[in-house]
N, C-alpha and C. Protein backbone atom coordinates (compact mmCIF):
# COMPACT_ATOMS: atom_id res chain seq x y z
N MET A 1 0.76 -1.11 0.03
CA MET A 1 -0.01 -0.10 0.37
C MET A 1 0.62 1.17 -0.27
N THR A 2 2.32 0.93 -0.15
CA THR A 2 2.86 2.36 -0.06
C THR A 2 3.28 3.04 -1.67
N HIS A 3 2.92 2.52 -2.59
CA HIS A 3 3.41 2.70 -3.82
C HIS A 3 2.64 4.19 -4.29
N TRP A 4 1.41 4.26 -3.92
CA TRP A 4 0.41 5.17 -3.96
C TRP A 4 0.56 6.71 -3.37
N ILE A 5 1.67 6.72 -2.22
CA ILE A 5 1.72 7.77 -1.60
C ILE A 5 2.33 9.06 -2.09
N HIS A 6 2.59 9.15 -3.17
CA HIS A 6 2.87 10.41 -4.10
C HIS A 6 2.60 10.13 -5.52
N ARG A 7 1.55 11.21 -5.40
CA ARG A 7 0.47 11.18 -6.67
C ARG A 7 0.03 10.11 -7.10
N PRO A 8 -1.04 9.48 -6.31
CA PRO A 8 -1.62 8.16 -6.90
C PRO A 8 -2.80 8.35 -8.05
N LEU A 9 -3.38 9.29 -8.64
CA LEU A 9 -3.77 9.49 -9.63
C LEU A 9 -2.90 10.11 -10.93
N PRO A 10 -2.86 10.06 -12.06
CA PRO A 10 -2.22 10.42 -12.93
C PRO A 10 -2.94 12.12 -13.49
N HIS A 11 -1.99 12.85 -13.59
CA HIS A 11 -2.69 14.50 -13.94
C HIS A 11 -3.32 14.91 -12.83
N HIS A 12 -3.26 14.38 -11.68
CA HIS A 12 -3.79 15.35 -10.53
C HIS A 12 -2.71 15.36 -9.58
N ASP A 13 -2.25 16.58 -9.07
CA ASP A 13 -1.14 16.55 -8.40
C ASP A 13 -1.36 16.50 -6.65
N GLU A 14 -2.78 17.16 -6.62
CA GLU A 14 -2.87 17.62 -4.91
C GLU A 14 -4.14 16.51 -4.73
N VAL A 15 -3.81 15.30 -4.07
CA VAL A 15 -5.03 14.67 -4.11
C VAL A 15 -5.12 13.89 -2.46
N ASN A 16 -6.45 14.03 -1.74
CA ASN A 16 -6.40 13.29 -0.55
C ASN A 16 -7.32 11.99 -0.92
N VAL A 17 -6.97 11.18 0.03
CA VAL A 17 -7.23 9.95 0.11
C VAL A 17 -8.02 9.66 1.37
N VAL A 18 -9.22 9.48 1.01
CA VAL A 18 -10.30 9.40 2.19
C VAL A 18 -10.82 7.75 2.28
N PHE A 19 -10.49 7.02 3.08
CA PHE A 19 -11.15 5.68 3.63
C PHE A 19 -12.20 5.67 4.63
N PHE A 20 -13.43 5.39 4.29
CA PHE A 20 -14.70 5.22 5.18
C PHE A 20 -15.45 4.15 5.55
N ARG A 21 -16.10 4.17 6.38
CA ARG A 21 -16.76 3.05 6.88
C ARG A 21 -17.81 3.59 7.71
N GLY A 22 -18.96 2.81 7.76
CA GLY A 22 -20.36 3.03 8.68
C GLY A 22 -21.24 4.50 8.10
N ILE A 23 -20.37 4.37 6.69
CA ILE A 23 -21.27 5.54 5.98
C ILE A 23 -21.52 5.06 4.63
N SER A 24 -22.24 5.40 3.78
CA SER A 24 -22.12 4.72 2.46
C SER A 24 -21.30 5.47 1.36
N LEU A 25 -21.25 5.06 0.41
CA LEU A 25 -20.35 5.72 -1.02
C LEU A 25 -21.35 6.65 -1.61
N ASP A 26 -22.54 6.49 -1.54
CA ASP A 26 -23.39 8.09 -2.00
C ASP A 26 -23.19 9.21 -1.02
N ALA A 27 -22.92 8.91 0.36
CA ALA A 27 -22.98 9.91 1.69
C ALA A 27 -21.93 10.68 1.53
N ALA A 28 -20.72 9.92 1.48
CA ALA A 28 -19.30 10.24 1.15
C ALA A 28 -19.20 11.10 -0.19
N VAL A 29 -19.38 10.74 -1.33
CA VAL A 29 -19.57 11.22 -2.56
C VAL A 29 -20.39 12.81 -2.42
N LYS A 30 -21.52 12.52 -1.98
CA LYS A 30 -22.17 13.90 -2.12
C LYS A 30 -21.75 14.69 -0.93
N GLY A 31 -21.22 14.48 0.19
CA GLY A 31 -20.76 15.20 1.12
C GLY A 31 -19.47 15.98 0.64
N LEU A 32 -18.65 15.34 -0.13
CA LEU A 32 -17.46 15.95 -0.82
C LEU A 32 -17.86 16.99 -1.75
N LEU A 33 -18.85 16.48 -2.80
CA LEU A 33 -19.53 17.66 -3.74
C LEU A 33 -20.24 18.60 -2.81
N GLY A 34 -20.76 18.56 -1.60
CA GLY A 34 -21.31 19.39 -1.27
C GLY A 34 -20.21 20.73 -0.51
N GLN A 35 -19.28 20.25 -0.31
CA GLN A 35 -17.92 21.31 -0.10
C GLN A 35 -17.22 21.58 -1.41
N ARG A 36 -17.68 21.22 -2.70
CA ARG A 36 -17.09 21.46 -3.71
C ARG A 36 -15.89 20.82 -3.79
N ARG A 37 -15.90 19.58 -3.51
CA ARG A 37 -14.39 19.17 -3.74
C ARG A 37 -15.06 17.80 -4.96
N MET A 38 -14.21 17.75 -5.59
CA MET A 38 -14.24 16.97 -6.76
C MET A 38 -13.78 15.47 -7.00
N PRO A 39 -14.79 14.01 -6.69
CA PRO A 39 -14.34 12.90 -6.30
C PRO A 39 -13.88 12.69 -7.45
N LEU A 40 -12.57 12.15 -7.55
CA LEU A 40 -11.64 11.31 -8.76
C LEU A 40 -11.70 9.96 -8.83
N ALA A 41 -11.45 9.28 -7.76
CA ALA A 41 -11.70 7.58 -7.98
C ALA A 41 -12.59 7.25 -6.61
N TYR A 42 -13.33 6.46 -7.07
CA TYR A 42 -14.19 5.69 -5.37
C TYR A 42 -14.35 4.25 -5.47
N GLY A 43 -14.52 3.51 -4.73
CA GLY A 43 -14.88 2.21 -4.32
C GLY A 43 -15.52 1.95 -3.29
N LYS A 44 -16.41 0.84 -3.09
CA LYS A 44 -16.43 0.29 -1.51
C LYS A 44 -16.18 -0.93 -1.65
N GLY A 45 -15.19 -1.60 -0.22
CA GLY A 45 -15.26 -2.64 -0.20
C GLY A 45 -16.00 -3.16 0.70
N ALA A 46 -15.58 -4.55 1.63
CA ALA A 46 -16.18 -5.24 2.43
C ALA A 46 -16.58 -4.63 3.83
N ASP A 47 -15.33 -3.92 4.25
CA ASP A 47 -15.38 -2.98 4.96
C ASP A 47 -15.12 -1.91 5.28
N TRP A 48 -14.01 -1.16 4.19
CA TRP A 48 -14.01 0.41 4.24
C TRP A 48 -14.18 0.51 2.61
N GLY A 49 -14.44 1.71 2.71
CA GLY A 49 -14.53 2.49 1.01
C GLY A 49 -13.78 3.21 1.05
N LEU A 50 -13.41 3.80 -0.12
CA LEU A 50 -12.29 4.77 -0.65
C LEU A 50 -13.26 6.06 -1.69
N VAL A 51 -12.63 6.91 -1.18
CA VAL A 51 -12.88 8.16 -2.29
C VAL A 51 -11.70 9.06 -2.23
N MET A 52 -10.88 9.45 -3.39
CA MET A 52 -10.00 10.47 -3.92
C MET A 52 -10.79 11.44 -4.11
N HIS A 53 -10.10 12.56 -3.70
CA HIS A 53 -10.49 13.92 -4.24
C HIS A 53 -9.28 15.13 -4.46
N ASP A 54 -9.70 16.03 -5.29
CA ASP A 54 -8.82 17.04 -5.30
C ASP A 54 -8.82 17.78 -4.03
N MET A 55 -8.03 18.14 -3.51
CA MET A 55 -7.49 19.11 -2.18
C MET A 55 -8.49 20.42 -2.35
N PHE A 56 -8.02 21.04 -3.52
CA PHE A 56 -8.79 22.47 -3.80
C PHE A 56 -10.29 22.15 -4.20
N ARG A 57 -11.00 23.44 -3.88
CA ARG A 57 -12.46 23.31 -4.20
C ARG A 57 -12.07 23.72 -5.81
N TRP A 58 -13.31 23.41 -6.64
CA TRP A 58 -13.47 23.82 -8.19
C TRP A 58 -13.19 24.94 -8.46
N GLU A 59 -13.69 25.79 -7.79
CA GLU A 59 -13.46 27.56 -8.17
C GLU A 59 -12.56 28.09 -7.46
N GLY A 60 -11.58 28.58 -8.41
CA GLY A 60 -10.40 29.58 -7.69
C GLY A 60 -9.41 28.81 -7.15
N ASP A 61 -9.37 27.38 -7.31
CA ASP A 61 -8.32 26.73 -6.49
C ASP A 61 -8.07 27.05 -5.11
N ASP A 62 -9.37 26.97 -4.65
CA ASP A 62 -9.37 27.43 -2.98
C ASP A 62 -9.12 26.11 -2.40
N TYR A 63 -8.05 26.51 -1.44
CA TYR A 63 -7.34 25.30 -0.47
C TYR A 63 -7.96 25.32 0.96
N SER A 64 -9.01 25.88 1.22
CA SER A 64 -9.84 26.00 2.40
C SER A 64 -10.00 24.52 2.93
N PRO A 65 -9.79 24.21 4.27
CA PRO A 65 -9.68 23.01 4.55
C PRO A 65 -11.28 22.38 4.23
N VAL A 66 -11.12 21.14 4.23
CA VAL A 66 -12.46 20.17 4.03
C VAL A 66 -12.59 19.96 5.57
N HIS A 67 -14.36 19.87 5.91
CA HIS A 67 -14.55 19.26 6.60
C HIS A 67 -15.24 18.08 6.82
N TYR A 68 -14.21 17.22 7.18
CA TYR A 68 -14.61 15.84 7.18
C TYR A 68 -15.40 15.45 8.29
N GLY A 69 -15.26 16.24 9.30
CA GLY A 69 -16.31 15.43 10.35
C GLY A 69 -17.91 15.62 10.06
N GLN A 70 -18.20 16.51 8.92
CA GLN A 70 -19.27 16.23 8.64
C GLN A 70 -20.12 15.20 7.54
N LEU A 71 -18.84 14.88 6.97
CA LEU A 71 -18.89 13.52 6.32
C LEU A 71 -19.27 11.87 7.02
N CYS A 72 -18.97 12.21 8.55
CA CYS A 72 -19.23 10.95 9.10
C CYS A 72 -19.69 10.82 10.57
N ALA A 73 -21.12 11.12 10.28
CA ALA A 73 -22.01 11.49 11.43
C ALA A 73 -22.11 10.15 12.16
N ALA A 74 -23.06 10.02 13.24
CA ALA A 74 -23.00 9.21 13.93
C ALA A 74 -22.78 7.54 13.56
N HIS A 75 -21.91 6.95 14.03
CA HIS A 75 -21.21 5.55 13.66
C HIS A 75 -20.33 5.31 12.30
N GLY A 76 -19.69 6.75 11.85
CA GLY A 76 -19.20 6.75 10.65
C GLY A 76 -17.73 6.97 11.26
N GLU A 77 -17.00 6.68 10.53
CA GLU A 77 -15.12 6.58 10.36
C GLU A 77 -14.60 6.89 9.11
N LEU A 78 -13.60 7.70 9.64
CA LEU A 78 -12.94 8.39 8.46
C LEU A 78 -11.54 8.38 8.66
N VAL A 79 -10.46 7.81 7.48
CA VAL A 79 -9.36 7.77 7.77
C VAL A 79 -8.87 8.56 6.39
N VAL A 80 -8.12 9.64 6.76
CA VAL A 80 -7.90 10.64 5.81
C VAL A 80 -6.46 10.87 5.51
N LEU A 81 -5.89 10.80 4.30
CA LEU A 81 -4.47 10.95 4.04
C LEU A 81 -4.56 12.15 3.24
N VAL A 82 -3.59 13.23 3.37
CA VAL A 82 -3.54 14.32 2.69
C VAL A 82 -1.94 14.19 2.24
N ILE A 83 -1.95 13.43 0.69
CA ILE A 83 -0.87 12.84 0.79
C ILE A 83 0.27 13.83 -0.30
N GLU A 84 -0.29 15.20 -0.82
CA GLU A 84 0.52 16.11 -1.54
C GLU A 84 0.02 17.54 -1.03
N PRO A 85 0.14 17.82 -0.05
CA PRO A 85 -0.70 19.00 0.93
C PRO A 85 -0.03 20.67 0.12
N CYS A 86 0.90 20.34 -0.59
CA CYS A 86 1.52 21.79 -1.21
C CYS A 86 2.87 21.25 -1.85
N ILE A 87 2.64 20.90 -2.95
CA ILE A 87 4.04 20.37 -3.79
C ILE A 87 5.16 21.54 -3.80
N ALA A 88 4.48 22.65 -4.02
CA ALA A 88 5.07 24.04 -4.33
C ALA A 88 6.20 24.26 -3.16
N LYS A 89 5.53 23.91 -1.89
CA LYS A 89 6.28 24.18 -0.57
C LYS A 89 6.87 22.82 -0.24
N ALA A 90 6.84 21.70 -1.03
CA ALA A 90 7.34 20.85 -0.20
C ALA A 90 6.99 20.26 1.36
N HIS A 91 5.83 20.32 1.47
CA HIS A 91 5.32 19.96 2.72
C HIS A 91 4.72 18.19 2.58
N GLY A 92 5.12 17.39 3.87
CA GLY A 92 4.83 16.24 3.84
C GLY A 92 3.49 15.70 4.16
N PRO A 93 2.75 14.68 3.55
CA PRO A 93 1.62 14.14 4.08
C PRO A 93 1.13 14.22 5.58
N SER A 94 0.00 13.97 5.75
CA SER A 94 -0.23 14.33 6.83
C SER A 94 -1.58 13.08 7.20
N PHE A 95 -2.02 13.06 8.16
CA PHE A 95 -3.10 12.05 8.40
C PHE A 95 -4.26 12.49 9.41
N GLU A 96 -5.56 12.00 9.44
CA GLU A 96 -6.48 12.62 10.45
C GLU A 96 -7.29 11.21 10.57
N TYR A 97 -7.60 11.11 11.49
CA TYR A 97 -8.77 9.90 11.62
C TYR A 97 -10.12 10.58 12.62
N TYR A 98 -11.20 10.25 11.93
CA TYR A 98 -12.36 11.02 12.60
C TYR A 98 -13.29 9.88 12.87
N ARG A 99 -13.98 9.58 13.96
CA ARG A 99 -15.13 8.82 14.39
C ARG A 99 -16.36 9.97 14.71
N ASP A 100 -17.62 9.11 14.21
CA ASP A 100 -18.66 10.24 14.68
C ASP A 100 -18.54 11.37 14.96
N GLY A 101 -18.22 12.08 13.51
CA GLY A 101 -18.18 13.53 13.41
C GLY A 101 -17.21 14.28 14.14
N ARG A 102 -16.34 13.58 14.70
CA ARG A 102 -15.09 14.36 15.31
C ARG A 102 -13.59 13.77 15.39
N LEU A 103 -12.97 14.78 15.44
CA LEU A 103 -11.24 14.39 15.20
C LEU A 103 -11.14 13.78 15.85
N VAL A 104 -10.45 12.60 16.12
CA VAL A 104 -9.83 11.63 17.06
C VAL A 104 -8.51 11.59 16.92
N SER A 105 -7.80 11.64 16.06
CA SER A 105 -6.18 11.59 15.61
C SER A 105 -5.48 12.27 14.74
N SER A 106 -4.98 12.93 14.63
CA SER A 106 -4.16 13.41 13.35
C SER A 106 -2.53 13.87 13.86
N PHE A 107 -2.09 13.85 12.91
CA PHE A 107 -0.31 14.41 12.67
C PHE A 107 0.13 14.75 11.33
N SER A 108 1.12 15.38 11.21
CA SER A 108 1.85 15.70 9.85
C SER A 108 3.05 14.40 9.71
N PHE A 109 3.09 14.11 8.37
CA PHE A 109 4.46 12.99 8.36
C PHE A 109 5.28 13.66 8.89
N GLU A 110 5.63 14.77 8.48
CA GLU A 110 6.66 15.38 9.15
C GLU A 110 7.06 15.32 10.45
N SER A 111 6.28 15.45 11.44
CA SER A 111 6.58 15.26 12.66
C SER A 111 5.38 14.61 13.40
N PRO A 112 5.49 13.14 13.29
CA PRO A 112 4.59 12.71 13.78
C PRO A 112 4.26 12.42 15.41
N ASP A 113 5.64 13.09 16.00
CA ASP A 113 5.63 13.09 17.53
C ASP A 113 4.64 14.08 17.89
N TYR A 114 4.37 14.87 17.26
CA TYR A 114 3.38 16.13 17.79
C TYR A 114 1.97 15.89 16.94
N ARG A 115 0.94 15.15 17.74
CA ARG A 115 -0.14 14.82 17.12
C ARG A 115 -1.07 15.59 18.25
N LYS A 116 -2.66 15.64 17.15
CA LYS A 116 -3.52 16.45 18.07
C LYS A 116 -4.78 15.30 17.95
N GLY A 117 -6.09 15.92 18.43
CA GLY A 117 -7.42 15.20 17.97
C GLY A 117 -7.94 14.90 19.99
N GLU A 118 -8.97 14.38 20.06
CA GLU A 118 -9.54 13.65 21.09
C GLU A 118 -8.64 12.69 21.97
N GLN A 119 -8.12 11.76 21.07
CA GLN A 119 -7.30 10.68 21.53
C GLN A 119 -5.88 10.63 20.60
N PRO A 120 -4.97 12.00 21.15
CA PRO A 120 -4.17 12.10 19.71
C PRO A 120 -2.60 11.07 20.04
N ASP A 121 -2.76 10.08 21.12
CA ASP A 121 -2.03 9.06 21.21
C ASP A 121 -2.39 7.77 20.70
N LEU A 122 -3.60 7.52 19.90
CA LEU A 122 -4.18 6.21 19.50
C LEU A 122 -3.08 5.48 18.70
N LEU A 123 -2.60 6.38 17.96
CA LEU A 123 -1.36 5.27 17.12
C LEU A 123 -0.23 5.24 17.44
N LEU A 124 0.12 5.77 18.36
CA LEU A 124 1.74 6.00 19.45
C LEU A 124 1.98 4.74 19.69
N PRO A 125 1.36 3.52 19.86
CA PRO A 125 2.09 2.61 20.32
C PRO A 125 2.49 1.79 18.91
N ALA A 126 2.14 1.75 17.94
CA ALA A 126 1.99 1.37 16.74
C ALA A 126 3.06 1.99 15.72
N LEU A 127 3.08 3.48 16.08
CA LEU A 127 3.99 4.37 15.38
C LEU A 127 5.61 3.86 15.81
N THR A 128 5.39 3.83 17.11
CA THR A 128 6.72 3.54 18.10
C THR A 128 7.20 2.20 17.60
N ALA A 129 6.46 1.51 17.44
CA ALA A 129 6.94 -0.05 17.33
C ALA A 129 7.11 -0.14 15.88
N ALA A 130 7.09 0.76 14.51
CA ALA A 130 7.42 0.65 13.86
C ALA A 130 8.82 1.65 13.65
N GLY A 131 8.95 2.30 14.50
CA GLY A 131 10.21 3.20 14.84
C GLY A 131 10.14 4.44 14.02
N VAL A 132 9.10 5.06 13.52
CA VAL A 132 8.83 6.36 13.26
C VAL A 132 8.65 7.60 14.00
N ILE A 133 8.65 7.36 15.49
CA ILE A 133 8.69 8.18 16.47
C ILE A 133 10.00 8.94 16.83
N ASP A 134 11.12 7.78 16.52
CA ASP A 134 12.30 8.36 16.93
C ASP A 134 12.95 9.62 15.81
N PRO A 135 12.98 10.86 16.55
CA PRO A 135 13.50 11.99 15.30
C PRO A 135 14.73 11.40 14.72
N THR A 136 15.84 10.67 14.96
CA THR A 136 16.93 10.60 14.69
C THR A 136 16.48 9.32 13.22
N ASP A 137 15.45 8.67 13.33
CA ASP A 137 15.11 7.93 12.45
C ASP A 137 14.31 8.48 11.15
N LEU A 138 13.98 9.76 11.26
CA LEU A 138 12.87 10.16 10.53
C LEU A 138 13.71 11.04 9.10
N ASP A 139 14.64 10.59 8.84
CA ASP A 139 15.64 11.09 8.08
C ASP A 139 15.62 10.02 6.87
N ARG A 140 15.26 8.71 7.07
CA ARG A 140 14.99 7.28 6.54
C ARG A 140 14.36 7.96 5.24
N ASP A 141 14.87 7.48 4.11
CA ASP A 141 13.86 7.64 2.86
C ASP A 141 12.58 6.92 2.88
N ASP A 142 12.34 5.93 3.51
CA ASP A 142 10.98 5.14 3.47
C ASP A 142 10.13 5.77 4.65
N SER A 143 10.42 6.71 5.55
CA SER A 143 9.67 7.15 6.55
C SER A 143 8.39 7.17 6.06
N GLU A 144 7.59 7.94 5.13
CA GLU A 144 6.53 8.10 4.80
C GLU A 144 5.93 6.81 4.52
N GLU A 145 6.49 5.83 3.94
CA GLU A 145 5.97 4.77 3.55
C GLU A 145 5.73 3.59 4.99
N ARG A 146 6.72 4.02 5.73
CA ARG A 146 6.71 3.13 6.97
C ARG A 146 5.29 3.64 7.88
N ILE A 147 5.17 4.91 7.73
CA ILE A 147 3.89 5.78 8.10
C ILE A 147 2.68 5.09 7.77
N VAL A 148 2.62 5.12 6.55
CA VAL A 148 1.40 4.74 5.96
C VAL A 148 0.99 2.94 6.30
N ASP A 149 2.13 2.21 5.98
CA ASP A 149 2.34 0.69 6.38
C ASP A 149 1.48 0.80 7.86
N THR A 150 1.85 1.69 8.57
CA THR A 150 1.50 1.82 10.62
C THR A 150 0.08 2.21 10.37
N ILE A 151 -0.25 2.81 9.56
CA ILE A 151 -2.00 3.62 9.61
C ILE A 151 -2.75 2.23 8.88
N SER A 152 -2.22 1.68 7.96
CA SER A 152 -2.70 0.59 7.03
C SER A 152 -3.16 -0.40 8.00
N GLY A 153 -2.20 -0.68 8.54
CA GLY A 153 -2.22 -2.12 9.55
C GLY A 153 -3.03 -1.85 10.81
N PHE A 154 -2.94 -0.54 11.24
CA PHE A 154 -3.63 -0.50 12.59
C PHE A 154 -5.25 -0.33 12.50
N PHE A 155 -5.81 0.36 11.37
CA PHE A 155 -7.10 0.25 10.82
C PHE A 155 -7.43 -0.84 9.95
N SER A 156 -6.73 -1.57 9.62
CA SER A 156 -6.92 -2.47 8.52
C SER A 156 -7.46 -2.47 7.43
N LEU A 157 -6.88 -1.04 6.79
CA LEU A 157 -7.32 -0.67 5.53
C LEU A 157 -7.10 -1.48 4.52
N PRO A 158 -7.91 -1.28 3.53
CA PRO A 158 -7.30 -2.53 2.44
C PRO A 158 -6.65 -1.84 1.68
N GLU A 159 -5.75 -2.90 0.65
CA GLU A 159 -4.75 -2.47 -0.03
C GLU A 159 -5.33 -1.56 -1.54
N LEU A 160 -4.11 -0.53 -1.24
CA LEU A 160 -4.78 0.20 -2.54
C LEU A 160 -3.98 -0.11 -3.57
N THR A 161 -4.35 -0.54 -4.51
CA THR A 161 -3.74 -0.99 -5.54
C THR A 161 -4.02 0.40 -6.97
N MET A 162 -2.72 0.59 -7.81
CA MET A 162 -3.17 1.68 -8.50
C MET A 162 -2.31 1.49 -9.83
N PRO A 163 -3.23 1.54 -11.05
CA PRO A 163 -2.41 1.22 -12.26
C PRO A 163 -1.15 1.58 -12.47
């Protein structure tokens, strides 16, 4: 699941990858459209579904934040990977986990030791076991892939295979 962390869709530079469960594909797509984000690819598996969408709004390349909490009302969950938050500025990817409309945990891949949300340390044991919390280890070339593998394993996300 690591090969898609950089530019998973041809001709789309800044894409967010959203895994969802407890909500329908239709609700996820309509919620994104309501926030003027164009779904680019989507699918529904046995447990988790997936929607990839442009980071920016379709009018004027507006990069205002997506209100993901609105997409997963009661009993819904989202795992959001902002994989290229700003190519021009070379910012690293980030992770957000929402449950029942609330931000549970989030962090930037550039500094996974600085976490936010209602349960900021939710993934701490898994990140520590994967060796991505140690700041001396973050200079490794595969740190982003190891973080994605850790998140994927923790939430049992489906394998994402891109052509």
